[in-house]
Amino acid sequence: MRQLILDTDIGSDVDDAMALALILGTPSLDLVAIHTVYGDTRLRSQLARRYGALAGRDLTVVAGTAEPLSGRPVWWAGHEGTLHKDLDAETFAPGSAPEDLVARLQNNQGALDVVAIGPLTNLAAALELEPQAAQWIRHLWVMGGWFGADAEPEHNFKSDDVAARAVLTAGIPTTITAIEITRQVSITNDLLQRIRTAGPLGAALGADIEQWWAYWNETWNVPHDPVAVLTLTRPDLFALSEPGHVTIGADGLSTFTPDPAGTVRIVTELDAVAVAEEIAARIVAAAGSVAGETDGDGS
């Protein structure tokens, strides 16, 4: 059993909701808290709570930092939460995500993994509150960046390059799944049909997937964030670089440099077919969750 905190900008790209469902469908993961980040974190928190309820889970959710430390404007698709009725009825925990993160890490030093699938603003704010928190994280799993000769700035790192720079140079043991890796995986109609028939959770997630497709006028999507989660749960499906360090440019452009003393590894290969299948299977499994289970109930 691995205890983890999910830091997410759920509600824009549907892949955050898919990642949450995957976690809820993985018995080896104990989701102790969700922290929301970037933009309307209140709405994002309500949406995370709703997805938990659809899976029969009473999740602990704490709203986090809304504005990037970089000062860049928040990108907002405009459809966040629109398919979920009465979201205002969803309540979440008081307090702020950076403070909650520091407290949980301090009380469980070396025991908690952090999965960060949005801009790294909450983590940077937590490190500013308590620099020692970097030593208390068991492992940090990040979806972000774009490495290689043809790389361009990726959304999560570009949105808050200040935060990304602070977190990725803090010496935290880290695995990064970047966009050149996640783009090798697609959720297509056959997988969508499997997801949408899997109870209330699957129906809601299927509708959100179709909304995202319509937003981009596509009939598929890249499950960036679930792929990153699977590096934790199914390492056999991935290959990693040697240790090194990551440099974040002023525009969020990321560069990886091998270094035996480094604390960061990046994903270099994956089994795309097996990863897509595992994503669908774990989401379907989440739809069979029973209310009151202790695995991942936020306790």
Protein backbone atom coordinates (compact mmCIF):
# COMPACT_ATOMS: atom_id res chain seq x y z
CA MET A 1 0.00 0.00 0.00
CA ARG A 2 1.42 3.37 -1.06
CA GLN A 3 0.05 6.51 0.59
CA LEU A 4 -0.15 9.50 -1.71
CA ILE A 5 -1.35 13.06 -2.11
CA LEU A 6 -2.71 14.10 -5.50
CA ASP A 7 -2.04 17.70 -6.54
CA THR A 8 -4.28 18.52 -9.50
CA ASP A 9 -5.86 21.18 -11.69
CA ILE A 10 -8.85 18.93 -12.33
CA GLY A 11 -11.64 20.31 -14.48
CA SER A 12 -10.02 21.65 -17.64
CA ASP A 13 -8.31 18.84 -19.56
CA VAL A 14 -10.27 15.68 -18.73
CA ASP A 15 -7.08 13.75 -18.03
CA ASP A 16 -6.97 14.94 -14.40
CA ALA A 17 -10.35 13.31 -13.75
CA MET A 18 -9.13 10.18 -15.51
CA ALA A 19 -6.05 10.13 -13.28
CA LEU A 20 -8.18 10.46 -10.16
CA ALA A 21 -10.43 7.61 -11.30
CA LEU A 22 -7.38 5.47 -12.03
CA ILE A 23 -6.07 6.06 -8.51
CA LEU A 24 -9.45 5.18 -7.01
CA GLY A 25 -9.45 1.96 -9.02
CA THR A 26 -6.00 0.87 -7.82
CA PRO A 27 -6.16 -1.09 -4.53
CA SER A 28 -2.44 -0.61 -3.83
CA LEU A 29 -2.88 3.18 -3.53
CA ASP A 30 -4.18 4.95 -0.43
CA LEU A 31 -5.24 8.45 -1.48
CA VAL A 32 -4.96 10.41 1.76
CA ALA A 33 -5.74 13.85 0.29
CA ILE A 34 -6.32 15.81 -2.89
CA HIS A 35 -4.95 19.33 -3.31
CA THR A 36 -6.28 21.54 -6.09
CA VAL A 37 -4.25 24.20 -7.86
CA TYR A 38 -4.41 26.83 -10.61
CA GLY A 39 -7.39 29.09 -11.20
CA ASP A 40 -10.73 28.44 -9.49
CA THR A 41 -9.47 25.94 -6.95
CA ARG A 42 -12.81 26.01 -5.13
CA LEU A 43 -14.59 24.69 -8.22
CA ARG A 44 -11.81 22.20 -8.83
CA SER A 45 -12.17 20.96 -5.24
CA GLN A 46 -15.92 20.50 -5.62
CA LEU A 47 -15.38 18.57 -8.82
CA ALA A 48 -12.82 16.29 -7.15
CA ARG A 49 -15.29 15.65 -4.34
CA ARG A 50 -18.00 14.84 -6.88
CA TYR A 51 -15.83 12.29 -8.64
CA GLY A 52 -15.03 10.72 -5.30
CA ALA A 53 -18.73 10.45 -4.50
CA LEU A 54 -19.39 8.83 -7.87
CA ALA A 55 -16.85 6.17 -6.91
CA GLY A 56 -18.36 5.76 -3.44
CA ARG A 57 -15.49 7.57 -1.72
CA ASP A 58 -15.51 10.35 0.87
CA LEU A 59 -12.33 12.11 -0.23
CA THR A 60 -10.37 14.69 1.71
CA VAL A 61 -9.94 17.66 -0.64
CA VAL A 62 -8.19 20.95 0.16
CA ALA A 63 -8.21 23.97 -2.16
CA GLY A 64 -4.82 25.36 -3.02
CA THR A 65 -3.13 28.31 -4.65
CA ALA A 66 -5.10 29.97 -7.44
CA GLU A 67 -2.51 32.31 -8.98
CA PRO A 68 0.78 31.05 -10.42
CA LEU A 69 3.91 32.39 -8.76
CA SER A 70 5.07 33.31 -12.27
CA GLY A 71 2.31 35.90 -12.57
CA ARG A 72 1.15 34.39 -15.86
CA PRO A 73 -2.60 34.53 -16.54
CA VAL A 74 -4.54 31.36 -15.79
CA TRP A 75 -5.75 29.47 -18.83
CA TRP A 76 -9.43 28.60 -18.38
CA ALA A 77 -11.32 26.50 -20.93
CA GLY A 78 -14.74 27.67 -19.71
CA HIS A 79 -16.40 24.26 -19.48
CA GLU A 80 -15.01 23.29 -16.08
CA GLY A 81 -17.68 21.41 -14.11
CA THR A 82 -20.53 22.35 -16.45
CA LEU A 83 -21.75 18.76 -16.87
CA HIS A 84 -22.02 18.18 -13.11
CA LYS A 85 -25.21 19.44 -11.49
CA ASP A 86 -25.34 21.08 -8.07
CA LEU A 87 -21.59 21.22 -7.54
CA ASP A 88 -22.13 23.85 -4.84
CA ALA A 89 -23.49 21.04 -2.68
CA GLU A 90 -20.02 19.49 -2.59
CA THR A 91 -18.08 20.61 0.47
CA PHE A 92 -14.34 20.31 0.97
CA ALA A 93 -11.90 20.67 3.83
CA PRO A 94 -10.94 24.11 5.18
CA GLY A 95 -7.44 25.50 5.04
CA SER A 96 -4.92 25.84 2.23
CA ALA A 97 -3.21 23.10 0.28
CA PRO A 98 0.39 24.28 0.89
CA GLU A 99 -0.15 24.35 4.67
CA ASP A 100 -1.95 21.00 4.57
CA LEU A 101 0.91 19.48 2.55
CA VAL A 102 3.54 20.67 5.02
CA ALA A 103 1.54 19.34 7.98
CA ARG A 104 0.93 15.93 6.42
CA LEU A 105 4.54 15.55 5.35
CA GLN A 106 5.84 16.57 8.76
CA ASN A 107 3.57 14.07 10.48
CA ASN A 108 4.46 11.25 8.04
CA GLN A 109 8.09 11.91 7.15
CA GLY A 110 9.31 9.68 4.33
CA ALA A 111 5.96 7.90 4.02
CA LEU A 112 4.00 9.99 1.51
CA ASP A 113 4.32 10.08 -2.26
CA VAL A 114 3.11 13.23 -4.04
CA VAL A 115 1.63 13.01 -7.53
CA ALA A 116 1.61 16.45 -9.16
CA ILE A 117 -0.33 16.67 -12.43
CA GLY A 118 -0.85 20.43 -12.67
CA PRO A 119 1.38 23.49 -12.28
CA LEU A 120 3.70 23.03 -9.28
CA THR A 121 2.50 26.13 -7.44
CA ASN A 122 1.24 24.39 -4.29
CA LEU A 123 4.48 22.48 -3.85
CA ALA A 124 6.62 25.58 -4.31
CA ALA A 125 4.49 27.47 -1.79
CA ALA A 126 4.84 24.57 0.66
CA LEU A 127 8.63 24.61 0.28
CA GLU A 128 8.63 28.34 0.94
CA LEU A 129 6.67 27.72 4.15
CA GLU A 130 8.96 24.88 5.22
CA PRO A 131 12.10 24.13 3.17
CA GLN A 132 12.65 20.88 5.08
CA ALA A 133 9.48 19.52 3.49
CA ALA A 134 11.60 18.56 0.48
CA GLN A 135 13.29 15.96 2.67
CA TRP A 136 9.99 14.52 3.89
CA ILE A 137 8.53 13.53 0.50
CA ARG A 138 9.06 9.84 -0.22
CA HIS A 139 8.92 10.43 -3.97
CA LEU A 140 7.48 13.06 -6.29
CA TRP A 141 5.77 11.98 -9.51
CA VAL A 142 5.27 14.79 -12.02
CA MET A 143 3.45 15.17 -15.31
CA GLY A 144 5.17 18.04 -17.06
CA GLY A 145 7.90 19.23 -19.34
CA TRP A 146 9.01 18.39 -22.84
CA PHE A 147 12.51 17.05 -23.40
CA GLY A 148 14.40 16.59 -26.63
CA ALA A 149 15.80 18.51 -29.56
CA ASP A 150 12.39 19.66 -30.83
CA ALA A 151 11.01 20.51 -27.39
CA GLU A 152 8.74 23.46 -26.72
CA PRO A 153 7.45 24.80 -23.39
CA GLU A 154 4.81 22.46 -21.89
CA HIS A 155 1.66 23.84 -20.22
CA ASN A 156 2.27 22.82 -16.59
CA PHE A 157 5.85 24.09 -16.47
CA LYS A 158 5.15 27.15 -18.60
CA SER A 159 2.12 28.17 -16.49
CA ASP A 160 4.35 28.48 -13.44
CA ASP A 161 8.00 28.26 -14.40
CA VAL A 162 8.92 29.91 -11.09
CA ALA A 163 7.29 27.09 -9.15
CA ALA A 164 8.69 24.38 -11.42
CA ARG A 165 12.20 25.74 -10.97
CA ALA A 166 11.85 25.85 -7.17
CA VAL A 167 10.45 22.34 -6.85
CA LEU A 168 12.72 20.57 -9.34
CA THR A 169 15.89 22.00 -7.79
CA ALA A 170 14.91 21.16 -4.20
CA GLY A 171 16.58 17.74 -4.16
CA ILE A 172 13.32 15.74 -4.00
CA PRO A 173 13.51 12.22 -5.49
CA THR A 174 11.43 12.79 -8.62
CA THR A 175 10.15 10.97 -11.68
CA ILE A 176 8.90 13.14 -14.55
CA THR A 177 6.64 11.93 -17.34
CA ALA A 178 6.87 14.52 -20.08
CA ILE A 179 4.68 15.29 -23.05
CA GLU A 180 6.80 13.47 -25.63
CA ILE A 181 6.06 10.28 -23.68
CA THR A 182 2.39 10.82 -22.88
CA ARG A 183 1.58 11.69 -26.49
CA GLN A 184 2.36 8.11 -27.47
CA VAL A 185 -0.90 7.03 -25.77
CA SER A 186 -4.43 7.76 -26.99
CA ILE A 187 -7.91 7.25 -25.61
CA THR A 188 -10.03 6.36 -28.61
CA ASN A 189 -13.68 5.46 -29.05
CA ASP A 190 -13.32 1.79 -28.11
CA LEU A 191 -11.79 2.68 -24.75
CA LEU A 192 -14.32 5.47 -24.24
CA GLN A 193 -17.19 3.00 -24.65
CA ARG A 194 -15.67 0.73 -22.00
CA ILE A 195 -15.35 3.65 -19.61
CA ARG A 196 -18.78 5.17 -20.13
CA THR A 197 -20.64 1.91 -19.42
CA ALA A 198 -18.93 1.49 -16.03
CA GLY A 199 -21.62 2.81 -13.68
CA PRO A 200 -22.22 6.43 -12.62
CA LEU A 201 -18.50 7.21 -12.45
CA GLY A 202 -17.90 5.89 -15.94
CA ALA A 203 -20.92 7.71 -17.34
CA ALA A 204 -19.81 11.05 -15.87
CA LEU A 205 -16.23 10.59 -16.95
CA GLY A 206 -17.32 9.49 -20.42
CA ALA A 207 -19.38 12.65 -20.80
CA ASP A 208 -16.43 14.79 -19.71
CA ILE A 209 -14.17 12.99 -22.18
CA GLU A 210 -16.62 13.67 -25.01
CA GLN A 211 -16.85 17.32 -23.94
CA TRP A 212 -13.07 17.60 -24.15
CA TRP A 213 -13.10 15.98 -27.58
CA ALA A 214 -15.72 18.45 -28.76
CA TYR A 215 -13.70 21.36 -27.36
CA TRP A 216 -10.80 20.41 -29.64
CA ASN A 217 -12.98 19.02 -32.46
CA GLU A 218 -11.30 15.62 -32.09
CA THR A 219 -12.41 12.02 -31.53
CA TRP A 220 -9.56 11.04 -29.19
CA ASN A 221 -7.47 12.52 -26.41
CA VAL A 222 -4.08 12.06 -24.79
CA PRO A 223 -4.32 10.80 -21.17
CA HIS A 224 -1.25 12.73 -20.00
CA ASP A 225 -1.98 12.53 -16.27
CA PRO A 226 -3.05 8.86 -16.00
CA VAL A 227 0.16 7.91 -17.79
CA ALA A 228 2.16 9.77 -15.15
CA VAL A 229 0.28 7.98 -12.34
CA LEU A 230 1.07 4.62 -13.90
CA THR A 231 4.81 5.26 -13.55
CA LEU A 232 4.14 4.79 -9.84
CA THR A 233 1.80 1.81 -10.03
CA ARG A 234 3.11 -0.05 -13.10
CA PRO A 235 6.84 0.71 -13.42
CA ASP A 236 7.20 -2.45 -15.51
CA LEU A 237 5.53 -0.60 -18.40
CA PHE A 238 8.16 2.18 -18.50
CA ALA A 239 11.86 2.80 -18.93
CA LEU A 240 13.62 5.62 -17.06
CA SER A 241 16.70 7.70 -17.65
CA GLU A 242 19.71 7.65 -15.41
CA PRO A 243 19.64 10.24 -12.58
CA GLY A 244 20.12 13.87 -13.47
CA HIS A 245 18.78 17.34 -12.95
CA VAL A 246 16.24 19.48 -14.78
CA THR A 247 16.71 23.11 -15.74
CA ILE A 248 13.64 25.29 -16.30
CA GLY A 249 14.04 28.27 -18.61
CA ALA A 250 12.25 31.57 -18.21
CA ASP A 251 9.51 30.42 -20.59
CA GLY A 252 9.11 27.04 -18.92
CA LEU A 253 11.27 25.17 -21.42
CA SER A 254 12.71 22.10 -19.69
CA THR A 255 16.15 20.56 -20.17
CA PHE A 256 17.40 17.31 -18.62
CA THR A 257 21.09 16.80 -17.89
CA PRO A 258 22.37 13.41 -16.67
CA ASP A 259 24.24 13.63 -13.39
CA PRO A 260 24.97 10.71 -11.01
CA ALA A 261 24.36 13.07 -8.09
CA GLY A 262 20.99 14.18 -9.47
CA THR A 263 17.63 13.32 -7.92
CA VAL A 264 15.45 13.44 -11.03
CA ARG A 265 14.73 10.75 -13.60
CA ILE A 266 12.62 11.19 -16.71
CA VAL A 267 10.58 8.54 -18.48
CA THR A 268 12.23 7.58 -21.76
CA GLU A 269 10.01 4.77 -23.09
CA LEU A 270 6.67 3.08 -22.45
CA ASP A 271 4.48 0.25 -23.72
CA ALA A 272 1.74 2.44 -25.22
CA VAL A 273 -0.80 -0.33 -25.85
CA ALA A 274 -0.46 -1.81 -22.37
CA VAL A 275 -0.60 1.64 -20.75
CA ALA A 276 -3.85 2.54 -22.53
CA GLU A 277 -5.37 -0.80 -21.54
CA GLU A 278 -4.33 -0.37 -17.90
CA ILE A 279 -5.84 3.12 -17.77
CA ALA A 280 -9.20 1.85 -18.99
CA ALA A 281 -9.11 -1.19 -16.69
CA ARG A 282 -8.33 0.84 -13.56
CA ILE A 283 -11.07 3.39 -14.33
CA VAL A 284 -13.59 0.58 -14.78
CA ALA A 285 -12.40 -0.92 -11.49
CA ALA A 286 -12.99 2.43 -9.74
CA ALA A 287 -16.62 2.30 -10.80
CA GLY A 288 -16.98 -0.81 -8.66
CA SER A 289 -15.78 0.92 -5.47
CA VAL A 290 -18.02 0.57 -2.43
CA ALA A 291 -18.73 3.45 -0.08
CA GLY A 292 -16.97 3.10 3.24
CA GLU A 293 -13.91 1.23 1.98
CA THR A 294 -10.80 2.18 3.89
CA ASP A 295 -8.54 2.04 0.83
CA GLY A 296 -8.37 5.61 -0.39
CA ASP A 297 -11.29 6.94 1.66
CA GLY A 298 -9.40 10.03 2.75
CA SER A 299 -8.73 8.79 6.28
